[in-house]
N, C-alpha and C. Protein backbone atom coordinates (compact mmCIF):
# COMPACT_ATOMS: atom_id res chain seq x y z
N UNK A 1 -39.82 -96.33 119.37
CA UNK A 1 -39.69 -95.06 120.06
C UNK A 1 -38.37 -94.41 119.68
N UNK A 2 -37.34 -95.28 119.56
CA UNK A 2 -36.06 -94.71 119.22
C UNK A 2 -36.05 -94.18 117.80
N UNK A 3 -36.69 -94.96 116.85
CA UNK A 3 -36.74 -94.48 115.47
C UNK A 3 -37.57 -93.20 115.39
N UNK A 4 -38.65 -93.20 116.19
CA UNK A 4 -39.48 -92.00 116.20
C UNK A 4 -38.70 -90.81 116.75
N UNK A 5 -37.89 -91.07 117.82
CA UNK A 5 -37.09 -89.98 118.36
C UNK A 5 -36.08 -89.49 117.34
N UNK A 6 -35.49 -90.49 116.61
CA UNK A 6 -34.53 -90.10 115.59
C UNK A 6 -35.18 -89.29 114.51
N UNK A 7 -36.41 -89.74 114.10
CA UNK A 7 -37.12 -89.02 113.07
C UNK A 7 -37.42 -87.60 113.52
N UNK A 8 -37.91 -87.52 114.77
CA UNK A 8 -38.22 -86.20 115.28
C UNK A 8 -36.96 -85.34 115.36
N UNK A 9 -35.88 -86.02 115.79
CA UNK A 9 -34.63 -85.29 115.87
C UNK A 9 -34.20 -84.81 114.49
N UNK A 10 -34.39 -85.68 113.49
CA UNK A 10 -34.03 -85.32 112.13
C UNK A 10 -34.89 -84.15 111.64
N UNK A 11 -36.21 -84.25 111.92
CA UNK A 11 -37.13 -83.17 111.51
C UNK A 11 -36.75 -81.87 112.22
N UNK A 12 -36.41 -82.01 113.48
CA UNK A 12 -36.04 -80.83 114.23
C UNK A 12 -34.80 -80.16 113.63
N UNK A 13 -33.84 -80.95 113.24
CA UNK A 13 -32.64 -80.41 112.61
C UNK A 13 -32.98 -79.81 111.26
N UNK A 14 -33.88 -80.48 110.52
CA UNK A 14 -34.30 -79.98 109.21
C UNK A 14 -34.92 -78.60 109.36
N UNK A 15 -35.85 -78.47 110.33
CA UNK A 15 -36.48 -77.18 110.55
C UNK A 15 -35.45 -76.14 111.00
N UNK A 16 -34.54 -76.64 111.84
CA UNK A 16 -33.50 -75.72 112.30
C UNK A 16 -32.69 -75.17 111.15
N UNK A 17 -32.32 -75.99 110.17
CA UNK A 17 -31.55 -75.52 109.02
C UNK A 17 -32.37 -74.56 108.17
N UNK A 18 -33.67 -74.87 107.98
CA UNK A 18 -34.52 -73.99 107.19
C UNK A 18 -34.67 -72.62 107.88
N UNK A 19 -34.86 -72.68 109.20
CA UNK A 19 -34.98 -71.42 109.95
C UNK A 19 -33.70 -70.61 109.83
N UNK A 20 -32.57 -71.30 109.88
CA UNK A 20 -31.29 -70.61 109.79
C UNK A 20 -31.12 -69.94 108.44
N UNK A 21 -31.49 -70.63 107.36
CA UNK A 21 -31.38 -70.05 106.02
C UNK A 21 -32.30 -68.85 105.86
N UNK A 22 -33.54 -69.00 106.35
CA UNK A 22 -34.49 -67.90 106.24
C UNK A 22 -34.02 -66.69 107.07
N UNK A 23 -33.47 -67.00 108.25
CA UNK A 23 -32.97 -65.91 109.08
C UNK A 23 -31.81 -65.20 108.40
N UNK A 24 -30.94 -66.00 107.76
CA UNK A 24 -29.81 -65.38 107.06
C UNK A 24 -30.30 -64.50 105.92
N UNK A 25 -31.31 -65.00 105.19
CA UNK A 25 -31.87 -64.19 104.10
C UNK A 25 -32.44 -62.88 104.63
N UNK A 26 -33.17 -62.99 105.78
CA UNK A 26 -33.75 -61.77 106.36
C UNK A 26 -32.64 -60.80 106.80
N UNK A 27 -31.55 -61.38 107.40
CA UNK A 27 -30.47 -60.52 107.85
C UNK A 27 -29.78 -59.83 106.69
N UNK A 28 -29.56 -60.59 105.57
CA UNK A 28 -28.94 -60.00 104.39
C UNK A 28 -29.81 -58.90 103.82
N UNK A 29 -31.14 -59.19 103.71
CA UNK A 29 -32.07 -58.19 103.18
C UNK A 29 -32.08 -56.95 104.07
N UNK A 30 -32.06 -57.20 105.40
CA UNK A 30 -32.04 -56.06 106.33
C UNK A 30 -30.80 -55.23 106.18
N UNK A 31 -29.63 -55.92 106.02
CA UNK A 31 -28.38 -55.20 105.86
C UNK A 31 -28.38 -54.38 104.57
N UNK A 32 -28.88 -55.01 103.48
CA UNK A 32 -28.90 -54.31 102.20
C UNK A 32 -29.79 -53.08 102.27
N UNK A 33 -30.91 -53.18 103.00
CA UNK A 33 -31.79 -52.03 103.12
C UNK A 33 -31.28 -51.01 104.12
N UNK A 34 -30.55 -51.49 105.11
CA UNK A 34 -30.08 -50.62 106.19
C UNK A 34 -28.84 -49.82 105.79
N UNK A 35 -27.97 -50.41 104.95
CA UNK A 35 -26.70 -49.76 104.58
C UNK A 35 -26.89 -48.38 103.96
N UNK A 36 -27.79 -48.23 102.95
CA UNK A 36 -27.97 -46.88 102.37
C UNK A 36 -28.42 -45.86 103.41
N UNK A 37 -29.30 -46.32 104.34
CA UNK A 37 -29.77 -45.41 105.39
C UNK A 37 -28.61 -44.96 106.25
N UNK A 38 -27.73 -45.94 106.61
CA UNK A 38 -26.57 -45.61 107.43
C UNK A 38 -25.65 -44.65 106.70
N UNK A 39 -25.42 -44.89 105.39
CA UNK A 39 -24.53 -44.02 104.61
C UNK A 39 -25.09 -42.61 104.54
N UNK A 40 -26.39 -42.50 104.32
CA UNK A 40 -27.01 -41.17 104.28
C UNK A 40 -26.87 -40.48 105.63
N UNK A 41 -27.12 -41.23 106.71
CA UNK A 41 -27.02 -40.65 108.05
C UNK A 41 -25.59 -40.20 108.35
N UNK A 42 -24.61 -41.04 107.96
CA UNK A 42 -23.21 -40.69 108.19
C UNK A 42 -22.83 -39.45 107.39
N UNK A 43 -23.27 -39.40 106.12
CA UNK A 43 -22.95 -38.24 105.28
C UNK A 43 -23.53 -36.96 105.88
N UNK A 44 -24.78 -37.06 106.34
CA UNK A 44 -25.41 -35.88 106.94
C UNK A 44 -24.68 -35.47 108.22
N UNK A 45 -24.29 -36.47 109.02
CA UNK A 45 -23.57 -36.17 110.26
C UNK A 45 -22.24 -35.51 109.97
N UNK A 46 -21.53 -36.02 108.94
CA UNK A 46 -20.24 -35.42 108.57
C UNK A 46 -20.42 -33.98 108.14
N UNK A 47 -21.50 -33.71 107.35
CA UNK A 47 -21.77 -32.34 106.91
C UNK A 47 -22.03 -31.43 108.11
N UNK A 48 -22.88 -31.88 109.03
CA UNK A 48 -23.22 -31.07 110.20
C UNK A 48 -21.99 -30.83 111.05
N UNK A 49 -21.20 -31.90 111.28
CA UNK A 49 -19.99 -31.76 112.09
C UNK A 49 -19.00 -30.81 111.42
N UNK A 50 -18.84 -30.96 110.09
CA UNK A 50 -17.93 -30.08 109.35
C UNK A 50 -18.36 -28.63 109.44
N UNK A 51 -19.68 -28.41 109.28
CA UNK A 51 -20.19 -27.05 109.40
C UNK A 51 -19.98 -26.50 110.80
N UNK A 52 -20.24 -27.35 111.79
CA UNK A 52 -20.06 -26.92 113.18
C UNK A 52 -18.61 -26.58 113.46
N UNK A 53 -17.70 -27.40 112.93
CA UNK A 53 -16.28 -27.13 113.13
C UNK A 53 -15.91 -25.79 112.49
N UNK A 54 -16.47 -25.54 111.28
CA UNK A 54 -16.20 -24.26 110.62
C UNK A 54 -16.66 -23.09 111.46
N UNK A 55 -17.90 -23.21 112.01
CA UNK A 55 -18.39 -22.14 112.87
C UNK A 55 -17.56 -22.03 114.13
N UNK A 56 -17.19 -23.20 114.70
CA UNK A 56 -16.39 -23.17 115.94
C UNK A 56 -15.07 -22.48 115.70
N UNK A 57 -14.45 -22.77 114.54
CA UNK A 57 -13.17 -22.14 114.22
C UNK A 57 -13.34 -20.63 114.07
N UNK A 58 -14.46 -20.23 113.42
CA UNK A 58 -14.69 -18.80 113.22
C UNK A 58 -14.85 -18.08 114.55
N UNK A 59 -15.74 -18.61 115.39
CA UNK A 59 -15.98 -17.93 116.66
C UNK A 59 -14.82 -18.10 117.63
N UNK A 60 -14.11 -19.22 117.51
CA UNK A 60 -12.90 -19.40 118.32
C UNK A 60 -11.88 -18.33 117.97
N UNK A 61 -11.79 -18.02 116.67
CA UNK A 61 -10.86 -16.98 116.24
C UNK A 61 -11.23 -15.65 116.88
N UNK A 62 -12.52 -15.32 116.88
CA UNK A 62 -12.95 -14.05 117.47
C UNK A 62 -12.76 -14.05 118.98
N UNK A 63 -13.09 -15.18 119.62
CA UNK A 63 -12.95 -15.25 121.07
C UNK A 63 -11.49 -15.20 121.49
N UNK A 64 -10.65 -15.89 120.73
CA UNK A 64 -9.23 -15.92 121.09
C UNK A 64 -8.57 -14.56 120.89
N UNK A 65 -9.21 -13.69 120.12
CA UNK A 65 -8.61 -12.37 119.89
C UNK A 65 -8.85 -11.42 121.05
N UNK A 66 -9.62 -11.88 122.04
CA UNK A 66 -9.92 -11.02 123.18
C UNK A 66 -9.04 -11.41 124.37
N UNK A 67 -8.38 -10.44 124.93
CA UNK A 67 -7.62 -10.68 126.14
C UNK A 67 -6.27 -11.31 125.93
N UNK A 68 -5.73 -11.30 124.71
CA UNK A 68 -4.42 -11.85 124.46
C UNK A 68 -3.42 -10.70 124.46
N UNK A 69 -2.52 -10.70 125.45
CA UNK A 69 -1.61 -9.58 125.59
C UNK A 69 -0.50 -9.60 124.54
N UNK A 70 -0.02 -10.79 124.21
CA UNK A 70 1.05 -10.90 123.20
C UNK A 70 0.68 -12.00 122.22
N UNK A 71 -0.23 -11.73 121.27
CA UNK A 71 -0.66 -12.77 120.33
C UNK A 71 0.48 -13.22 119.44
N UNK A 72 0.56 -14.53 119.21
CA UNK A 72 1.59 -15.03 118.30
C UNK A 72 1.04 -15.11 116.89
N UNK A 73 1.82 -15.62 115.97
CA UNK A 73 1.44 -15.57 114.56
C UNK A 73 0.17 -16.38 114.28
N UNK A 74 -0.12 -17.42 115.08
CA UNK A 74 -1.30 -18.25 114.81
C UNK A 74 -2.58 -17.44 114.98
N UNK A 75 -2.57 -16.47 115.90
CA UNK A 75 -3.75 -15.66 116.13
C UNK A 75 -3.87 -14.54 115.09
N UNK A 76 -2.77 -14.24 114.41
CA UNK A 76 -2.80 -13.17 113.42
C UNK A 76 -3.24 -13.67 112.05
N UNK A 77 -3.31 -14.98 111.88
CA UNK A 77 -3.77 -15.54 110.61
C UNK A 77 -5.29 -15.46 110.53
N UNK A 78 -5.80 -15.17 109.34
CA UNK A 78 -7.24 -15.08 109.16
C UNK A 78 -7.84 -16.48 109.06
N UNK A 79 -9.15 -16.62 109.38
CA UNK A 79 -9.81 -17.93 109.23
C UNK A 79 -9.73 -18.38 107.78
N UNK A 80 -9.75 -19.70 107.57
CA UNK A 80 -9.54 -20.25 106.24
C UNK A 80 -10.84 -20.65 105.54
N UNK A 81 -12.00 -20.10 105.97
CA UNK A 81 -13.25 -20.46 105.32
C UNK A 81 -13.52 -19.63 104.07
N UNK A 82 -12.69 -18.62 103.81
CA UNK A 82 -12.76 -17.87 102.54
C UNK A 82 -11.36 -17.77 101.96
N UNK A 83 -11.30 -17.67 100.63
CA UNK A 83 -10.01 -17.56 99.95
C UNK A 83 -10.07 -16.44 98.93
N UNK A 84 -9.21 -15.43 99.06
CA UNK A 84 -9.20 -14.35 98.07
C UNK A 84 -8.63 -14.83 96.75
N UNK A 85 -9.25 -14.40 95.66
CA UNK A 85 -8.81 -14.78 94.32
C UNK A 85 -8.10 -13.63 93.61
N UNK A 86 -8.68 -12.44 93.69
CA UNK A 86 -8.06 -11.26 93.06
C UNK A 86 -8.26 -10.03 93.94
N UNK A 87 -7.31 -9.10 93.83
CA UNK A 87 -7.41 -7.79 94.50
C UNK A 87 -7.28 -6.70 93.44
N UNK A 88 -8.08 -5.66 93.60
CA UNK A 88 -7.94 -4.45 92.79
C UNK A 88 -7.91 -3.27 93.75
N UNK A 89 -6.72 -2.69 93.95
CA UNK A 89 -6.54 -1.65 94.96
C UNK A 89 -6.22 -0.31 94.30
N UNK A 90 -6.93 0.73 94.72
CA UNK A 90 -6.66 2.10 94.26
C UNK A 90 -6.42 2.97 95.48
N UNK A 91 -5.41 3.82 95.41
CA UNK A 91 -5.11 4.73 96.51
C UNK A 91 -4.77 6.12 95.98
N UNK A 92 -5.18 7.13 96.73
CA UNK A 92 -4.83 8.51 96.43
C UNK A 92 -4.21 9.10 97.68
N UNK A 93 -2.96 9.54 97.55
CA UNK A 93 -2.24 10.09 98.71
C UNK A 93 -2.18 11.60 98.62
N UNK A 94 -2.17 12.24 99.79
CA UNK A 94 -2.11 13.70 99.86
C UNK A 94 -0.82 14.09 100.60
N UNK A 95 0.19 14.47 99.83
CA UNK A 95 1.47 14.86 100.41
C UNK A 95 1.58 16.39 100.45
N UNK A 96 2.29 16.91 101.46
CA UNK A 96 2.41 18.38 101.58
C UNK A 96 3.04 19.02 100.35
N UNK A 97 3.87 18.29 99.62
CA UNK A 97 4.54 18.87 98.45
C UNK A 97 3.64 18.95 97.23
N UNK A 98 2.46 18.28 97.29
CA UNK A 98 1.55 18.31 96.15
C UNK A 98 0.82 19.65 96.11
N UNK A 99 0.56 20.18 94.90
CA UNK A 99 -0.20 21.44 94.81
C UNK A 99 -1.67 21.24 95.15
N UNK A 100 -2.27 22.29 95.69
CA UNK A 100 -3.70 22.33 95.98
C UNK A 100 -4.16 21.25 96.97
N UNK A 101 -3.29 20.84 97.87
CA UNK A 101 -3.68 19.89 98.92
C UNK A 101 -4.09 20.68 100.16
N UNK A 102 -5.34 20.58 100.60
CA UNK A 102 -5.77 21.31 101.81
C UNK A 102 -4.94 20.85 103.01
N UNK A 103 -4.70 21.74 103.93
CA UNK A 103 -3.85 21.41 105.08
C UNK A 103 -4.41 20.25 105.90
N UNK A 104 -5.74 20.16 105.97
CA UNK A 104 -6.35 19.09 106.76
C UNK A 104 -6.21 17.71 106.09
N UNK A 105 -5.88 17.73 104.79
CA UNK A 105 -5.72 16.45 104.07
C UNK A 105 -4.26 16.02 103.97
N UNK A 106 -3.34 16.86 104.41
CA UNK A 106 -1.92 16.51 104.29
C UNK A 106 -1.59 15.24 105.07
N UNK A 107 -0.76 14.41 104.45
CA UNK A 107 -0.33 13.14 105.03
C UNK A 107 -1.51 12.22 105.37
N UNK A 108 -2.49 12.23 104.46
CA UNK A 108 -3.61 11.27 104.56
C UNK A 108 -3.75 10.58 103.21
N UNK A 109 -4.65 9.60 103.14
CA UNK A 109 -4.89 8.92 101.87
C UNK A 109 -6.33 8.43 101.81
N UNK A 110 -6.82 8.28 100.59
CA UNK A 110 -8.11 7.64 100.32
C UNK A 110 -7.83 6.31 99.64
N UNK A 111 -8.54 5.27 100.07
CA UNK A 111 -8.32 3.95 99.49
C UNK A 111 -9.62 3.30 99.04
N UNK A 112 -9.49 2.45 98.05
CA UNK A 112 -10.63 1.68 97.55
C UNK A 112 -10.12 0.32 97.10
N UNK A 113 -10.72 -0.76 97.63
CA UNK A 113 -10.28 -2.10 97.29
C UNK A 113 -11.48 -2.93 96.84
N UNK A 114 -11.27 -3.75 95.85
CA UNK A 114 -12.28 -4.65 95.30
C UNK A 114 -11.67 -6.05 95.34
N UNK A 115 -12.24 -6.94 96.17
CA UNK A 115 -11.68 -8.27 96.38
C UNK A 115 -12.67 -9.32 95.91
N UNK A 116 -12.23 -10.20 95.02
CA UNK A 116 -13.04 -11.35 94.61
C UNK A 116 -12.66 -12.53 95.51
N UNK A 117 -13.66 -13.13 96.15
CA UNK A 117 -13.42 -14.14 97.18
C UNK A 117 -14.20 -15.41 96.87
N UNK A 118 -13.58 -16.55 97.13
CA UNK A 118 -14.27 -17.84 97.06
C UNK A 118 -14.58 -18.31 98.48
N UNK A 119 -15.83 -18.66 98.73
CA UNK A 119 -16.24 -19.13 100.05
C UNK A 119 -16.07 -20.65 100.11
N UNK A 120 -15.36 -21.13 101.13
CA UNK A 120 -15.06 -22.55 101.25
C UNK A 120 -15.93 -23.26 102.29
N UNK A 121 -16.52 -22.50 103.21
CA UNK A 121 -17.40 -23.08 104.24
C UNK A 121 -18.47 -22.05 104.57
N UNK A 122 -19.66 -22.50 105.02
CA UNK A 122 -20.75 -21.55 105.31
C UNK A 122 -20.32 -20.50 106.32
N UNK A 123 -20.66 -19.24 106.04
CA UNK A 123 -20.32 -18.16 106.96
C UNK A 123 -21.26 -16.98 106.77
N UNK A 124 -21.47 -16.23 107.85
CA UNK A 124 -22.24 -14.99 107.74
C UNK A 124 -21.42 -13.79 108.20
N UNK A 125 -20.10 -13.94 108.13
CA UNK A 125 -19.22 -12.80 108.43
C UNK A 125 -17.92 -12.94 107.65
N UNK A 126 -17.29 -11.80 107.41
CA UNK A 126 -16.00 -11.73 106.73
C UNK A 126 -15.03 -11.00 107.64
N UNK A 127 -13.85 -11.55 107.82
CA UNK A 127 -12.82 -10.94 108.65
C UNK A 127 -11.65 -10.55 107.76
N UNK A 128 -11.25 -9.28 107.85
CA UNK A 128 -10.13 -8.77 107.05
C UNK A 128 -9.11 -8.10 107.95
N UNK A 129 -7.85 -8.15 107.54
CA UNK A 129 -6.83 -7.40 108.25
C UNK A 129 -7.01 -5.91 107.97
N UNK A 130 -6.96 -5.11 109.01
CA UNK A 130 -7.01 -3.65 108.85
C UNK A 130 -6.58 -2.99 110.15
N UNK A 131 -5.98 -1.81 110.03
CA UNK A 131 -5.51 -1.08 111.20
C UNK A 131 -5.38 0.40 110.85
N UNK A 132 -5.83 1.25 111.75
CA UNK A 132 -5.68 2.70 111.61
C UNK A 132 -6.31 3.24 110.33
N UNK A 133 -7.46 2.71 109.96
CA UNK A 133 -8.20 3.26 108.82
C UNK A 133 -9.65 3.49 109.23
N UNK A 134 -10.29 4.43 108.56
CA UNK A 134 -11.71 4.72 108.82
C UNK A 134 -12.52 4.19 107.63
N UNK A 135 -13.41 3.24 107.91
CA UNK A 135 -14.23 2.64 106.86
C UNK A 135 -15.33 3.63 106.46
N UNK A 136 -15.43 3.90 105.17
CA UNK A 136 -16.45 4.82 104.66
C UNK A 136 -17.64 4.09 104.06
N UNK A 137 -17.35 3.04 103.29
CA UNK A 137 -18.40 2.31 102.59
C UNK A 137 -18.02 0.85 102.43
N UNK A 138 -18.99 -0.04 102.56
CA UNK A 138 -18.75 -1.47 102.35
C UNK A 138 -19.89 -2.05 101.54
N UNK A 139 -19.55 -2.86 100.54
CA UNK A 139 -20.53 -3.63 99.78
C UNK A 139 -20.01 -5.06 99.67
N UNK A 140 -20.86 -6.01 100.03
CA UNK A 140 -20.53 -7.43 99.85
C UNK A 140 -21.59 -8.00 98.90
N UNK A 141 -21.16 -8.29 97.68
CA UNK A 141 -22.10 -8.67 96.62
C UNK A 141 -22.08 -10.17 96.36
N UNK A 142 -23.27 -10.78 96.42
CA UNK A 142 -23.44 -12.18 96.08
C UNK A 142 -24.56 -12.29 95.04
N UNK A 143 -24.23 -12.74 93.85
CA UNK A 143 -25.20 -12.81 92.75
C UNK A 143 -25.85 -11.46 92.50
N UNK A 144 -25.05 -10.39 92.62
CA UNK A 144 -25.56 -9.06 92.35
C UNK A 144 -26.28 -8.40 93.51
N UNK A 145 -26.52 -9.14 94.59
CA UNK A 145 -27.25 -8.60 95.74
C UNK A 145 -26.25 -8.20 96.83
N UNK A 146 -26.47 -7.02 97.41
CA UNK A 146 -25.61 -6.54 98.49
C UNK A 146 -26.10 -7.14 99.81
N UNK A 147 -25.29 -8.02 100.42
CA UNK A 147 -25.70 -8.70 101.64
C UNK A 147 -24.96 -8.17 102.87
N UNK A 148 -24.26 -7.04 102.72
CA UNK A 148 -23.55 -6.46 103.85
C UNK A 148 -24.55 -5.93 104.88
N UNK A 149 -24.28 -6.19 106.18
CA UNK A 149 -25.15 -5.70 107.25
C UNK A 149 -24.49 -4.56 108.01
N UNK A 150 -23.33 -4.84 108.64
CA UNK A 150 -22.64 -3.77 109.38
C UNK A 150 -21.19 -4.15 109.61
N UNK A 151 -20.41 -3.11 109.90
CA UNK A 151 -18.98 -3.30 110.18
C UNK A 151 -18.77 -3.23 111.68
N UNK A 152 -17.98 -4.18 112.19
CA UNK A 152 -17.67 -4.22 113.61
C UNK A 152 -16.16 -4.20 113.78
N UNK A 153 -15.65 -3.21 114.50
CA UNK A 153 -14.22 -3.12 114.70
C UNK A 153 -13.74 -4.27 115.58
N UNK A 154 -12.62 -4.86 115.20
CA UNK A 154 -12.03 -5.93 115.99
C UNK A 154 -11.01 -5.39 116.97
N UNK A 155 -10.34 -6.29 117.64
CA UNK A 155 -9.28 -5.92 118.58
C UNK A 155 -8.12 -5.34 117.77
N UNK A 156 -7.67 -4.12 118.13
CA UNK A 156 -6.59 -3.48 117.37
C UNK A 156 -5.31 -4.29 117.41
N UNK A 157 -5.10 -5.04 118.52
CA UNK A 157 -3.89 -5.85 118.59
C UNK A 157 -3.91 -6.96 117.56
N UNK A 158 -5.12 -7.40 117.16
CA UNK A 158 -5.24 -8.44 116.15
C UNK A 158 -5.23 -7.85 114.74
N UNK A 159 -5.40 -6.53 114.65
CA UNK A 159 -5.36 -5.83 113.37
C UNK A 159 -6.39 -6.38 112.39
N UNK A 160 -7.64 -6.55 112.87
CA UNK A 160 -8.70 -7.07 112.02
C UNK A 160 -9.96 -6.24 112.18
N UNK A 161 -10.82 -6.34 111.17
CA UNK A 161 -12.17 -5.80 111.23
C UNK A 161 -13.13 -6.87 110.76
N UNK A 162 -14.38 -6.81 111.23
CA UNK A 162 -15.37 -7.84 110.93
C UNK A 162 -16.53 -7.23 110.17
N UNK A 163 -16.90 -7.84 109.05
CA UNK A 163 -18.07 -7.43 108.29
C UNK A 163 -19.16 -8.47 108.50
N UNK A 164 -20.25 -8.07 109.17
CA UNK A 164 -21.38 -8.96 109.40
C UNK A 164 -22.32 -8.91 108.20
N UNK A 165 -22.86 -10.06 107.83
CA UNK A 165 -23.69 -10.18 106.63
C UNK A 165 -25.15 -10.46 106.99
N UNK A 166 -26.04 -10.15 106.06
CA UNK A 166 -27.48 -10.34 106.29
C UNK A 166 -27.93 -11.78 106.06
N UNK A 167 -27.09 -12.58 105.43
CA UNK A 167 -27.43 -13.97 105.18
C UNK A 167 -26.16 -14.81 105.18
N UNK A 168 -26.33 -16.11 105.35
CA UNK A 168 -25.20 -17.03 105.36
C UNK A 168 -24.81 -17.39 103.92
N UNK A 169 -23.55 -17.31 103.63
CA UNK A 169 -23.06 -17.63 102.29
C UNK A 169 -22.72 -19.12 102.23
N UNK A 170 -23.26 -19.85 101.25
CA UNK A 170 -22.95 -21.28 101.15
C UNK A 170 -21.56 -21.52 100.56
N UNK A 171 -21.03 -22.72 100.70
CA UNK A 171 -19.72 -23.03 100.12
C UNK A 171 -19.75 -22.96 98.59
N UNK A 172 -18.56 -22.84 98.00
CA UNK A 172 -18.38 -22.81 96.55
C UNK A 172 -19.06 -21.61 95.89
N UNK A 173 -19.22 -20.56 96.66
CA UNK A 173 -19.84 -19.34 96.14
C UNK A 173 -18.77 -18.27 96.00
N UNK A 174 -18.85 -17.49 94.93
CA UNK A 174 -17.94 -16.36 94.75
C UNK A 174 -18.67 -15.09 95.16
N UNK A 175 -18.00 -14.26 95.95
CA UNK A 175 -18.57 -12.98 96.35
C UNK A 175 -17.55 -11.88 96.07
N UNK A 176 -18.03 -10.66 96.01
CA UNK A 176 -17.15 -9.53 95.75
C UNK A 176 -17.28 -8.55 96.92
N UNK A 177 -16.14 -8.19 97.51
CA UNK A 177 -16.10 -7.28 98.65
C UNK A 177 -15.51 -5.95 98.18
N UNK A 178 -16.28 -4.89 98.34
CA UNK A 178 -15.82 -3.55 97.94
C UNK A 178 -15.81 -2.66 99.17
N UNK A 179 -14.64 -2.06 99.44
CA UNK A 179 -14.48 -1.23 100.63
C UNK A 179 -13.81 0.09 100.24
N UNK A 180 -14.37 1.20 100.68
CA UNK A 180 -13.70 2.51 100.56
C UNK A 180 -13.38 2.99 101.96
N UNK A 181 -12.22 3.63 102.10
CA UNK A 181 -11.74 4.00 103.43
C UNK A 181 -10.75 5.16 103.33
N UNK A 182 -10.43 5.73 104.47
CA UNK A 182 -9.41 6.77 104.56
C UNK A 182 -8.45 6.40 105.68
N UNK A 183 -7.27 7.00 105.64
CA UNK A 183 -6.29 6.72 106.68
C UNK A 183 -5.23 7.80 106.75
N UNK A 184 -4.34 7.65 107.71
CA UNK A 184 -3.25 8.60 107.93
C UNK A 184 -1.93 7.97 107.49
N UNK A 185 -1.13 8.76 106.77
CA UNK A 185 0.21 8.29 106.41
C UNK A 185 1.09 8.41 107.64
N UNK A 186 1.59 7.27 108.11
CA UNK A 186 2.35 7.25 109.36
C UNK A 186 3.73 7.90 109.16
N UNK A 187 4.15 8.67 110.16
CA UNK A 187 5.48 9.28 110.12
C UNK A 187 6.34 8.85 111.31
N UNK A 188 5.70 8.25 112.32
CA UNK A 188 6.44 7.87 113.52
C UNK A 188 6.62 6.37 113.68
N UNK A 189 6.08 5.59 112.75
CA UNK A 189 6.24 4.14 112.81
C UNK A 189 6.09 3.55 111.43
N UNK A 190 6.73 2.42 111.21
CA UNK A 190 6.69 1.75 109.90
C UNK A 190 5.51 0.79 109.89
N UNK A 191 4.32 1.36 109.76
CA UNK A 191 3.10 0.56 109.85
C UNK A 191 2.10 1.04 108.81
N UNK A 192 1.53 0.10 108.04
CA UNK A 192 0.58 0.50 107.01
C UNK A 192 1.26 1.31 105.93
N UNK A 193 0.63 2.42 105.55
CA UNK A 193 1.24 3.36 104.60
C UNK A 193 2.01 4.40 105.41
N UNK A 194 3.32 4.47 105.20
CA UNK A 194 4.14 5.36 106.03
C UNK A 194 5.13 6.15 105.19
N UNK A 195 5.61 7.22 105.80
CA UNK A 195 6.60 8.10 105.17
C UNK A 195 7.90 8.03 105.97
N UNK A 196 9.02 7.93 105.28
CA UNK A 196 10.33 7.88 105.95
C UNK A 196 11.23 8.99 105.41
N UNK A 197 12.24 9.30 106.19
CA UNK A 197 13.23 10.32 105.78
C UNK A 197 14.64 9.73 105.91
N UNK A 198 15.53 10.26 105.11
CA UNK A 198 16.92 9.82 105.19
C UNK A 198 17.82 10.97 104.72
N UNK A 199 19.10 10.85 105.04
CA UNK A 199 20.08 11.84 104.60
C UNK A 199 20.94 11.24 103.50
N UNK A 200 21.14 12.03 102.44
CA UNK A 200 21.95 11.53 101.34
C UNK A 200 23.43 11.72 101.66
N UNK A 201 24.28 11.45 100.69
CA UNK A 201 25.72 11.49 100.93
C UNK A 201 26.21 12.88 101.29
N UNK A 202 25.46 13.89 100.89
CA UNK A 202 25.82 15.29 101.22
C UNK A 202 25.23 15.75 102.55
N UNK A 203 24.47 14.89 103.20
CA UNK A 203 23.86 15.27 104.47
C UNK A 203 22.53 15.94 104.32
N UNK A 204 22.03 16.00 103.09
CA UNK A 204 20.72 16.63 102.86
C UNK A 204 19.61 15.67 103.28
N UNK A 205 18.59 16.21 103.95
CA UNK A 205 17.46 15.40 104.39
C UNK A 205 16.52 15.17 103.22
N UNK A 206 16.19 13.93 102.99
CA UNK A 206 15.29 13.56 101.89
C UNK A 206 13.99 13.00 102.44
């Protein structure tokens, strides 16, 4: 009986070791099959979270621009989901001393800017600094297609305007923003395009 118990005990241990090896093999196989799934899931989650953070930052910027009586420099910075690469700016000024300038055009200007931009995160809007100008025309070109929808004036204290787009721009995309506008040459404050006067050594007003 004792030898039989020992034999059974030995067999039991033998089976136990075999079960343990087979279980380890199954666990290793499961881990090897499970790891790629986990990596894919993590990558997708990181992408979604990153995109959400980008959107949160964009809308946080717009929300924070409302109701701020004395915005500091952090609120005056533009969102970082786009990066300008080149600017091409043209301006025509109408000064009273110029010949053939209609009186209604005196101390005004016409402007046209062409900005090449790299998109760093998905977005369906563009925010630009602007103040005291009247937007005449906007084109936002992606692969030759104009995706501009409408212009929305921002809070003047933030000195921004918002261009809403008809589709979301993916990352690593280059777009071209073309804006024509008019404005007033300031004479009472040093803001935007302004005119100043001074007296020379003889006291003459310049």
